[in-house]
């Protein structure tokens, strides 16, 4: 089967950026900056971008482009034993896609709520009690909430239509619309926010540097963690997307552009969020430290409360939740494509059949997160998949490629087809800097979970929906690895040597 290709370089860049830019840029990055030294945090953040983000992106772009396959096929082309690692990455992506669609569904709902500010004067009560009917425990799922099920079906339908249509006329076309609109919305939002009293104070508060925190190792770990969480590396997406690139491609430039645009959007998101929080702090007479939050609480509780106080609240509400919808949908499409491509390679089936089966199964599994306990279930699974699953697969991939494979041959391959060459700094970053930081992060996360648990959830909940999901991913990956491959799935030994 001839591999599909992007229609243009711009289409690929926008698709890669669309994958990297997600909800984490909007509701996680500003809080991480605030919590870790404000403007001073940008020093370790930029260092992490240069020593981990860009090198890892170049590596995955090079691998996908060279071996022309999904993550399992690409890694198996290097060494057959690595196929299982590729499938672990795919099932991590699938797990994320299943619960990520529900967050997109919440954003769709709140987009509708924005027209008449349905959350009223008590956004927290509205979100937990009226919208989610939250039960508080992942072991107490309760009943399906149909007001969430309907927007969930819409979210999965958009992903299905986009992936079903293909790379050029589906994913590329969608991102050519979504990404410019996303940036335009955020810029308009920022311009409007800057006219509000207290907005500048909020932005100043965000970026006021606390250089004393630069010496704290946790700040550096947080910087690297944010880079890994936001760039979509290490869980099958970027290898898959780069496999659709034409033969004549500038790997280095594409990688730099993708990372810079993603990180630039994170900065814009910081301006947007803290401008709103600064206004909210002044309007309520509270210090900004009392209104700052992150994650789901920021998007669906704090920001709606701030929007209530704004002039033209409907405009701000619609604009903000449109940004969440666009960022969420573009990321969900990319996560899904990484899985669909892997199953197409493994089975030899056509895209339309795989897309239909994948999205149908994904939608059915997502229904679990529309129940009374859905938020708690999402919280536990998300924590383990991101803090244990993704970081561990990143580490294993880098350890093998950095130390048990000729990493220099990948650098030579990149330099041969790129406009500018990458130096030995790239090899040093892959082999030493990134691996060291990842190892520290994983060990710290495991120790924290084992000694302190997570989120106040019961040991049973953590074992079943945390460690249990991680083990299930490994088992499924082992099964898929041993399923018979179609002829030509793994390139010849000669091809494997010639990277």
Protein backbone atom coordinates (compact mmCIF):
# COMPACT_ATOMS: atom_id res chain seq x y z
CA UNK A 1 0.00 0.00 0.00
CA UNK A 2 1.46 3.34 -1.08
CA UNK A 3 1.90 5.67 1.88
CA UNK A 4 -0.11 8.89 1.91
CA UNK A 5 1.70 12.24 1.89
CA UNK A 6 1.04 15.74 3.13
CA UNK A 7 -0.02 18.14 0.40
CA UNK A 8 2.43 20.84 1.50
CA UNK A 9 5.08 21.68 4.04
CA UNK A 10 2.72 24.22 5.61
CA UNK A 11 0.10 21.49 6.00
CA UNK A 12 2.56 19.27 7.86
CA UNK A 13 3.77 22.08 10.13
CA UNK A 14 0.21 23.08 11.01
CA UNK A 15 -0.73 19.46 11.69
CA UNK A 16 2.34 18.90 13.90
CA UNK A 17 1.66 22.18 15.70
CA UNK A 18 -1.99 21.19 16.03
CA UNK A 19 -0.91 18.00 17.74
CA UNK A 20 1.53 19.72 20.08
CA UNK A 21 -0.82 22.59 20.98
CA UNK A 22 -3.51 21.25 23.25
CA UNK A 23 -5.36 21.94 26.45
CA UNK A 24 -2.13 21.68 28.44
CA UNK A 25 -0.76 24.82 26.77
CA UNK A 26 -3.80 26.77 27.93
CA UNK A 27 -4.49 25.49 31.41
CA UNK A 28 -1.20 23.94 32.52
CA UNK A 29 1.65 26.12 31.24
CA UNK A 30 0.59 29.44 32.87
CA UNK A 31 0.21 27.77 36.27
CA UNK A 32 3.56 25.98 35.96
CA UNK A 33 5.24 29.31 35.19
CA UNK A 34 3.53 31.02 38.13
CA UNK A 35 4.37 28.20 40.55
CA UNK A 36 8.03 27.91 39.54
CA UNK A 37 9.51 31.38 39.67
CA UNK A 38 7.49 33.37 37.14
CA UNK A 39 9.75 35.00 34.57
CA UNK A 40 12.75 33.18 36.03
CA UNK A 41 11.11 29.86 35.05
CA UNK A 42 11.55 30.81 31.40
CA UNK A 43 15.30 30.21 31.75
CA UNK A 44 15.04 26.47 32.56
CA UNK A 45 12.04 26.23 30.21
CA UNK A 46 14.01 27.57 27.24
CA UNK A 47 16.97 25.40 28.22
CA UNK A 48 14.69 22.35 28.30
CA UNK A 49 13.26 23.32 24.92
CA UNK A 50 16.74 23.50 23.37
CA UNK A 51 18.23 20.42 25.06
CA UNK A 52 15.20 18.10 25.08
CA UNK A 53 12.29 19.39 23.01
CA UNK A 54 14.10 20.19 19.77
CA UNK A 55 16.51 17.19 19.87
CA UNK A 56 13.67 14.74 20.56
CA UNK A 57 11.52 16.30 17.83
CA UNK A 58 14.36 16.03 15.31
CA UNK A 59 14.89 12.39 16.31
CA UNK A 60 11.25 11.39 15.84
CA UNK A 61 10.88 13.35 12.59
CA UNK A 62 13.98 11.61 11.25
CA UNK A 63 12.81 8.12 12.24
CA UNK A 64 9.33 8.51 10.79
CA UNK A 65 10.64 10.05 7.57
CA UNK A 66 13.34 7.41 7.08
CA UNK A 67 11.27 4.29 7.74
CA UNK A 68 7.91 5.53 6.42
CA UNK A 69 5.76 3.88 9.05
CA UNK A 70 3.79 4.21 12.26
CA UNK A 71 5.66 4.03 15.58
CA UNK A 72 5.57 0.20 15.95
CA UNK A 73 6.63 -0.36 12.35
CA UNK A 74 9.35 2.31 12.49
CA UNK A 75 10.85 1.02 15.73
CA UNK A 76 10.61 -2.60 14.51
CA UNK A 77 12.53 -1.51 11.39
CA UNK A 78 15.42 -0.50 13.65
CA UNK A 79 15.23 -3.59 15.84
CA UNK A 80 12.41 -6.15 15.88
CA UNK A 81 12.43 -6.16 19.70
CA UNK A 82 11.41 -2.50 19.69
CA UNK A 83 8.07 -3.19 18.04
CA UNK A 84 6.54 -3.75 21.48
CA UNK A 85 7.71 -0.31 22.63
CA UNK A 86 5.91 1.15 19.62
CA UNK A 87 2.71 -0.63 20.58
CA UNK A 88 3.00 0.59 24.17
CA UNK A 89 3.18 4.12 22.75
CA UNK A 90 0.12 3.46 20.56
CA UNK A 91 -1.98 2.14 23.44
CA UNK A 92 -0.93 5.08 25.59
CA UNK A 93 -2.15 7.33 22.77
CA UNK A 94 -5.40 5.38 22.53
CA UNK A 95 -5.98 5.66 26.28
CA UNK A 96 -5.44 9.42 26.12
CA UNK A 97 -7.76 9.72 23.10
CA UNK A 98 -10.54 7.93 24.99
CA UNK A 99 -10.62 10.36 27.92
CA UNK A 100 -9.40 13.45 26.04
CA UNK A 101 -12.56 13.32 23.91
CA UNK A 102 -14.63 13.82 27.06
CA UNK A 103 -12.78 17.03 27.94
CA UNK A 104 -13.44 18.24 24.39
CA UNK A 105 -17.10 17.36 24.99
CA UNK A 106 -17.11 19.51 28.15
CA UNK A 107 -15.65 22.38 26.10
CA UNK A 108 -18.38 21.93 23.49
CA UNK A 109 -21.02 22.06 26.24
CA UNK A 110 -19.52 25.18 27.79
CA UNK A 111 -19.33 26.83 24.38
CA UNK A 112 -23.10 26.49 24.29
CA UNK A 113 -23.42 27.62 27.92
CA UNK A 114 -21.43 30.78 27.09
CA UNK A 115 -24.24 32.31 25.04
CA UNK A 116 -26.42 32.76 28.12
CA UNK A 117 -23.86 32.17 30.92
CA UNK A 118 -25.70 29.05 32.06
CA UNK A 119 -23.24 28.45 34.90
CA UNK A 120 -24.74 31.42 36.77
CA UNK A 121 -23.16 32.93 39.88
CA UNK A 122 -21.76 29.63 41.18
CA UNK A 123 -19.62 28.02 38.43
CA UNK A 124 -18.16 25.44 40.83
CA UNK A 125 -21.56 24.19 41.94
CA UNK A 126 -22.79 24.21 38.37
CA UNK A 127 -19.82 22.21 37.05
CA UNK A 128 -19.67 19.53 39.75
CA UNK A 129 -23.30 19.18 40.74
CA UNK A 130 -25.49 20.26 37.82
CA UNK A 131 -23.31 19.37 34.85
CA UNK A 132 -21.22 16.39 35.96
CA UNK A 133 -23.37 15.14 38.88
CA UNK A 134 -19.97 14.25 40.27
CA UNK A 135 -19.79 11.23 42.61
CA UNK A 136 -16.16 11.76 43.67
CA UNK A 137 -14.78 8.24 43.19
CA UNK A 138 -13.60 6.29 40.13
CA UNK A 139 -15.04 3.12 41.71
CA UNK A 140 -18.51 4.70 41.86
CA UNK A 141 -19.25 5.47 38.23
CA UNK A 142 -23.02 5.66 38.57
CA UNK A 143 -25.10 6.51 35.50
CA UNK A 144 -24.34 8.04 32.09
CA UNK A 145 -24.98 11.78 31.77
CA UNK A 146 -26.64 12.26 28.39
CA UNK A 147 -25.90 15.98 28.37
CA UNK A 148 -22.22 14.95 28.15
CA UNK A 149 -22.82 11.96 25.87
CA UNK A 150 -24.21 14.09 23.03
CA UNK A 151 -21.23 16.50 22.73
CA UNK A 152 -18.96 13.47 23.16
CA UNK A 153 -20.56 11.91 20.09
CA UNK A 154 -19.95 15.19 18.22
CA UNK A 155 -16.26 15.20 19.23
CA UNK A 156 -15.72 11.62 18.07
CA UNK A 157 -17.67 12.30 14.86
CA UNK A 158 -15.36 15.17 13.93
CA UNK A 159 -12.30 12.97 14.55
CA UNK A 160 -13.89 10.15 12.53
CA UNK A 161 -14.72 12.36 9.53
CA UNK A 162 -11.22 13.89 9.56
CA UNK A 163 -9.25 10.63 9.87
CA UNK A 164 -11.65 8.76 7.54
CA UNK A 165 -11.04 11.36 4.80
CA UNK A 166 -7.26 10.90 4.92
CA UNK A 167 -4.05 12.87 5.44
CA UNK A 168 -4.23 15.53 2.72
CA UNK A 169 -7.97 16.18 2.49
CA UNK A 170 -8.82 15.36 6.10
CA UNK A 171 -6.16 16.06 8.73
CA UNK A 172 -4.19 18.64 6.76
CA UNK A 173 -7.31 20.51 5.62
CA UNK A 174 -8.73 20.54 9.16
CA UNK A 175 -5.55 21.96 10.67
CA UNK A 176 -5.27 24.63 7.98
CA UNK A 177 -8.58 25.91 9.33
CA UNK A 178 -8.26 25.15 13.05
CA UNK A 179 -4.74 26.45 13.73
CA UNK A 180 -5.03 29.93 12.15
CA UNK A 181 -8.44 30.36 13.82
CA UNK A 182 -7.00 29.25 17.17
CA UNK A 183 -4.16 31.79 17.03
CA UNK A 184 -6.52 34.51 15.81
CA UNK A 185 -8.98 33.84 18.64
CA UNK A 186 -6.27 33.94 21.29
CA UNK A 187 -4.80 37.19 19.94
CA UNK A 188 -8.25 38.85 19.81
CA UNK A 189 -8.93 37.59 23.34
CA UNK A 190 -5.62 39.03 24.61
CA UNK A 191 -6.26 42.41 22.95
CA UNK A 192 -9.67 42.61 24.61
CA UNK A 193 -8.33 41.43 27.99
CA UNK A 194 -5.59 44.07 28.01
CA UNK A 195 -8.26 46.77 28.09
CA UNK A 196 -9.56 45.46 31.44
CA UNK A 197 -8.52 46.89 34.80
CA UNK A 198 -5.97 44.71 36.56
CA UNK A 199 -5.05 42.67 33.47
CA UNK A 200 -1.55 44.13 33.22
CA UNK A 201 -1.04 43.47 36.94
CA UNK A 202 -1.90 39.82 36.39
CA UNK A 203 0.53 39.50 33.49
CA UNK A 204 3.24 41.28 35.49
CA UNK A 205 2.60 38.89 38.37
CA UNK A 206 3.03 35.92 36.04
CA UNK A 207 6.34 37.06 34.59
CA UNK A 208 7.91 38.77 37.62
CA UNK A 209 11.06 36.67 38.12
CA UNK A 210 11.91 34.93 41.37
CA UNK A 211 15.51 33.98 40.65
CA UNK A 212 15.88 32.19 43.99
CA UNK A 213 13.89 29.30 42.51
CA UNK A 214 16.41 28.78 39.71
CA UNK A 215 18.54 26.74 42.14
CA UNK A 216 15.62 24.44 43.01
CA UNK A 217 15.94 21.10 41.12
CA UNK A 218 12.13 20.76 41.15
CA UNK A 219 11.85 23.84 38.96
CA UNK A 220 14.13 22.32 36.34
CA UNK A 221 12.23 19.02 36.51
CA UNK A 222 8.99 20.97 36.02
CA UNK A 223 10.45 22.73 32.97
CA UNK A 224 11.43 19.46 31.31
CA UNK A 225 8.13 17.88 32.30
CA UNK A 226 6.19 20.68 30.61
CA UNK A 227 8.24 20.27 27.43
CA UNK A 228 7.53 16.54 27.27
CA UNK A 229 3.84 16.93 28.10
CA UNK A 230 3.21 19.59 25.48
CA UNK A 231 5.21 18.48 22.41
CA UNK A 232 3.51 15.12 21.70
CA UNK A 233 6.86 13.30 21.57
CA UNK A 234 7.33 9.78 22.85
CA UNK A 235 3.86 8.42 22.20
CA UNK A 236 3.71 7.62 18.50
CA UNK A 237 2.32 10.88 17.05
CA UNK A 238 5.36 12.67 15.62
CA UNK A 239 6.85 9.48 14.18
CA UNK A 240 3.54 8.84 12.42
CA UNK A 241 3.09 12.39 11.13
CA UNK A 242 6.65 12.58 9.76
CA UNK A 243 6.16 9.26 7.93
CA UNK A 244 3.79 11.12 5.58
CA UNK A 245 6.45 13.65 4.56
CA UNK A 246 7.78 13.59 0.98
CA UNK A 247 11.31 12.36 0.35
CA UNK A 248 12.74 15.87 -0.06
CA UNK A 249 12.11 17.34 3.37
CA UNK A 250 13.94 19.69 5.69
CA UNK A 251 13.83 17.79 9.00
CA UNK A 252 15.79 20.30 11.11
CA UNK A 253 13.77 23.35 10.08
CA UNK A 254 10.47 21.52 10.51
CA UNK A 255 11.42 20.43 14.02
CA UNK A 256 12.60 23.89 15.09
CA UNK A 257 9.48 25.54 13.68
CA UNK A 258 7.12 23.07 15.36
CA UNK A 259 8.73 23.49 18.78
CA UNK A 260 9.05 27.28 18.56
CA UNK A 261 5.43 27.77 17.44
CA UNK A 262 4.17 25.48 20.20
CA UNK A 263 6.19 27.23 22.90
CA UNK A 264 5.19 30.62 21.49
CA UNK A 265 1.53 29.65 21.79
CA UNK A 266 2.16 28.67 25.42
CA UNK A 267 3.43 32.20 26.06
CA UNK A 268 0.31 33.66 24.45
CA UNK A 269 -1.82 31.41 26.61
CA UNK A 270 0.00 32.74 29.68
CA UNK A 271 -0.84 36.31 28.67
CA UNK A 272 -4.47 35.37 28.08
CA UNK A 273 -5.03 33.43 31.31
CA UNK A 274 -3.17 35.73 33.71
CA UNK A 275 -4.68 38.82 32.11
CA UNK A 276 -8.10 37.40 33.02
CA UNK A 277 -6.97 36.35 36.49
CA UNK A 278 -5.50 39.82 37.13
CA UNK A 279 -8.83 41.37 36.21
CA UNK A 280 -10.68 38.86 38.39
CA UNK A 281 -8.42 39.56 41.36
CA UNK A 282 -8.98 43.31 41.12
CA UNK A 283 -12.74 42.97 40.57
CA UNK A 284 -13.15 40.66 43.57
CA UNK A 285 -10.71 42.51 45.81
CA UNK A 286 -8.69 39.33 46.37
CA UNK A 287 -4.95 38.81 45.88
CA UNK A 288 -4.13 36.97 42.69
CA UNK A 289 -2.73 34.07 44.74
CA UNK A 290 -6.32 33.27 45.77
CA UNK A 291 -7.74 33.12 42.25
CA UNK A 292 -4.92 31.23 40.51
CA UNK A 293 -5.64 27.63 39.56
CA UNK A 294 -4.83 25.15 36.79
CA UNK A 295 -6.30 22.25 34.87
CA UNK A 296 -10.00 21.46 34.75
CA UNK A 297 -10.72 23.85 37.62
CA UNK A 298 -9.20 26.79 35.75
CA UNK A 299 -11.12 26.13 32.53
CA UNK A 300 -14.54 25.22 33.89
CA UNK A 301 -14.72 27.03 37.26
CA UNK A 302 -12.24 29.90 37.62
CA UNK A 303 -12.51 31.30 34.09
CA UNK A 304 -16.34 31.18 33.99
CA UNK A 305 -16.37 33.06 37.31
CA UNK A 306 -14.05 35.68 35.78
CA UNK A 307 -16.11 35.87 32.59
CA UNK A 308 -19.19 36.70 34.69
CA UNK A 309 -17.50 39.90 35.84
CA UNK A 310 -16.33 41.05 32.42
CA UNK A 311 -17.94 43.53 30.08
CA UNK A 312 -19.45 41.61 27.14
CA UNK A 313 -19.20 38.30 29.04
CA UNK A 314 -20.80 36.33 26.21
CA UNK A 315 -18.02 37.41 23.83
CA UNK A 316 -15.29 36.35 26.25
CA UNK A 317 -17.07 33.09 27.07
CA UNK A 318 -17.58 32.08 23.45
CA UNK A 319 -14.02 33.10 22.49
CA UNK A 320 -12.41 31.22 25.36
CA UNK A 321 -14.32 27.97 24.91
CA UNK A 322 -13.82 28.08 21.15
CA UNK A 323 -10.06 28.10 21.84
CA UNK A 324 -10.50 25.03 24.05
CA UNK A 325 -12.57 23.28 21.37
CA UNK A 326 -10.09 24.05 18.58
CA UNK A 327 -7.03 23.09 20.66
CA UNK A 328 -8.71 19.93 21.92
CA UNK A 329 -10.03 18.74 18.55
CA UNK A 330 -6.70 19.24 16.74
CA UNK A 331 -4.87 17.25 19.41
CA UNK A 332 -7.51 14.51 19.49
CA UNK A 333 -7.25 14.08 15.72
CA UNK A 334 -3.45 13.68 15.90
CA UNK A 335 -3.60 11.21 18.79
CA UNK A 336 -6.15 9.15 16.89
CA UNK A 337 -4.15 9.21 13.65
CA UNK A 338 -1.12 7.74 15.46
CA UNK A 339 -3.29 4.76 16.46
CA UNK A 340 -5.11 4.40 13.14
CA UNK A 341 -1.84 4.44 11.19
CA UNK A 342 -0.37 1.73 13.44
CA UNK A 343 -3.35 -0.59 12.94
CA UNK A 344 -3.39 0.07 9.18
CA UNK A 345 0.28 -0.94 8.98
CA UNK A 346 -0.23 -4.04 11.13
CA UNK A 347 -3.40 -5.35 9.48
CA UNK A 348 -3.06 -4.09 5.93
CA UNK A 349 -6.66 -2.85 6.13
CA UNK A 350 -7.87 0.28 4.39
CA UNK A 351 -8.03 3.61 6.24
CA UNK A 352 -11.83 3.86 6.13
CA UNK A 353 -12.36 0.51 7.85
CA UNK A 354 -9.73 1.11 10.53
CA UNK A 355 -10.97 4.64 11.21
CA UNK A 356 -14.56 3.44 11.62
CA UNK A 357 -13.61 0.61 14.00
CA UNK A 358 -11.21 2.78 15.99
CA UNK A 359 -13.59 5.71 16.47
CA UNK A 360 -16.50 3.39 17.25
CA UNK A 361 -14.55 1.56 19.95
CA UNK A 362 -13.09 4.80 21.28
CA UNK A 363 -16.55 6.35 21.60
CA UNK A 364 -17.91 3.31 23.47
CA UNK A 365 -15.01 3.35 25.95
CA UNK A 366 -15.32 7.13 26.39
CA UNK A 367 -18.85 6.65 27.72
CA UNK A 368 -17.29 5.52 31.01
CA UNK A 369 -16.06 9.09 31.50
CA UNK A 370 -19.55 10.57 31.05
CA UNK A 371 -20.75 8.90 34.25
CA UNK A 372 -21.01 10.37 37.76
CA UNK A 373 -17.50 9.18 38.60
CA UNK A 374 -16.07 10.02 35.18
CA UNK A 375 -14.00 13.00 36.30
CA UNK A 376 -12.31 10.99 39.07
CA UNK A 377 -11.65 8.12 36.65
CA UNK A 378 -10.15 10.58 34.16
CA UNK A 379 -8.00 12.20 36.83
CA UNK A 380 -6.36 8.95 37.99
CA UNK A 381 -5.78 7.52 34.51
CA UNK A 382 -4.44 10.83 33.16
CA UNK A 383 -1.96 11.15 36.03
CA UNK A 384 -0.53 7.67 35.54
CA UNK A 385 -0.49 7.75 31.74
CA UNK A 386 1.33 11.09 31.64
CA UNK A 387 3.62 10.91 34.65
CA UNK A 388 4.54 7.22 34.38
CA UNK A 389 3.56 5.96 30.92
CA UNK A 390 4.73 8.67 28.52
CA UNK A 391 7.90 9.55 30.44
CA UNK A 392 8.91 5.89 30.68
CA UNK A 393 8.44 5.21 26.97
CA UNK A 394 10.42 8.37 26.19
CA UNK A 395 13.24 7.14 28.42
CA UNK A 396 13.32 3.64 26.91
CA UNK A 397 13.28 5.03 23.37
CA UNK A 398 16.13 7.42 24.08
CA UNK A 399 18.17 4.85 26.02
CA UNK A 400 18.04 2.35 23.17
CA UNK A 401 18.58 4.79 20.33
CA UNK A 402 21.18 6.80 22.23
CA UNK A 403 23.30 3.96 23.56
CA UNK A 404 22.54 0.74 21.64
CA UNK A 405 22.11 2.16 18.16
CA UNK A 406 24.32 4.25 15.91
CA UNK A 407 22.87 7.64 16.86
CA UNK A 408 25.45 9.37 14.69
CA UNK A 409 23.91 7.76 11.59
CA UNK A 410 20.58 9.45 12.38
CA UNK A 411 22.35 12.81 12.68
CA UNK A 412 24.05 12.26 9.32
CA UNK A 413 20.73 11.35 7.74
CA UNK A 414 19.11 14.53 9.05
CA UNK A 415 22.02 16.69 7.87
CA UNK A 416 21.92 15.13 4.41
CA UNK A 417 18.33 16.23 3.74
CA UNK A 418 18.08 19.43 5.83
CA UNK A 419 18.92 23.03 4.97
CA UNK A 420 21.18 23.40 7.99
CA UNK A 421 23.22 20.79 9.81
CA UNK A 422 22.87 19.83 13.47
CA UNK A 423 26.08 19.44 15.42
CA UNK A 424 27.33 17.07 18.09
CA UNK A 425 25.30 19.02 20.68
CA UNK A 426 22.29 17.04 19.46
CA UNK A 427 23.92 13.71 20.31
CA UNK A 428 25.03 14.97 23.73
CA UNK A 429 21.51 16.20 24.55
CA UNK A 430 19.93 12.87 23.58
CA UNK A 431 22.46 10.65 25.34
CA UNK A 432 23.09 12.59 28.52
CA UNK A 433 20.92 15.61 29.31
CA UNK A 434 17.47 14.35 28.37
CA UNK A 435 17.99 10.81 29.66
CA UNK A 436 19.23 12.11 33.02
CA UNK A 437 16.29 14.48 33.52
CA UNK A 438 13.78 11.83 32.45
CA UNK A 439 15.26 9.28 34.86
CA UNK A 440 15.05 11.71 37.77
CA UNK A 441 11.48 12.66 36.90
CA UNK A 442 10.26 9.06 36.65
CA UNK A 443 11.92 7.97 39.89
CA UNK A 444 10.53 11.01 41.71
CA UNK A 445 7.02 10.38 40.37
CA UNK A 446 7.04 6.70 41.35
CA UNK A 447 8.32 7.43 44.85
CA UNK A 448 5.68 10.12 45.33
CA UNK A 449 2.84 7.84 44.20
CA UNK A 450 4.03 4.87 46.29
CA UNK A 451 4.58 6.91 49.48
CA UNK A 452 1.81 9.52 49.23
CA UNK A 453 -0.72 8.10 46.77
CA UNK A 454 -2.44 10.52 44.46
CA UNK A 455 -5.29 12.99 44.83
CA UNK A 456 -6.63 11.44 48.02
CA UNK A 457 -7.99 8.46 46.07
CA UNK A 458 -8.17 5.02 47.71
CA UNK A 459 -5.41 2.48 47.25
CA UNK A 460 -7.92 0.30 45.39
CA UNK A 461 -8.67 3.07 42.89
CA UNK A 462 -4.98 3.77 42.31
CA UNK A 463 -4.15 0.08 41.86
CA UNK A 464 -7.02 -0.60 39.45
CA UNK A 465 -7.16 2.57 37.37
CA UNK A 466 -3.54 3.68 37.78
CA UNK A 467 -1.14 0.77 37.87
CA UNK A 468 -3.81 -1.52 36.39
CA UNK A 469 -4.14 0.60 33.24
CA UNK A 470 -0.33 0.70 32.86
CA UNK A 471 -0.14 -3.10 33.10
CA UNK A 472 -3.05 -3.49 30.67
CA UNK A 473 -1.26 -1.31 28.12
CA UNK A 474 1.84 -3.52 28.36
CA UNK A 475 -0.22 -6.72 27.96
CA UNK A 476 -2.09 -5.37 24.92
CA UNK A 477 1.20 -4.23 23.40
CA UNK A 478 2.66 -7.71 23.89
CA UNK A 479 -0.36 -9.28 22.18
CA UNK A 480 -0.22 -6.95 19.17
CA UNK A 481 3.53 -7.46 18.84
CA UNK A 482 2.96 -11.19 18.38
CA UNK A 483 0.15 -10.84 15.85
CA UNK A 484 1.36 -11.94 12.41
CA UNK A 485 2.51 -9.01 10.28
CA UNK A 486 1.64 -8.53 6.61
CA UNK A 487 4.45 -9.08 4.13
CA UNK A 488 6.83 -6.13 4.03
CA UNK A 489 5.77 -4.80 7.44
CA UNK A 490 9.39 -4.75 8.61
CA UNK A 491 11.97 -3.54 6.04
CA UNK A 492 14.91 -5.77 5.11
CA UNK A 493 18.09 -5.95 7.16
CA UNK A 494 19.88 -3.92 4.51
CA UNK A 495 17.35 -1.13 4.84
CA UNK A 496 17.65 -1.27 8.59
CA UNK A 497 21.40 -0.72 8.47
CA UNK A 498 21.31 2.19 6.07
CA UNK A 499 19.74 4.94 8.11
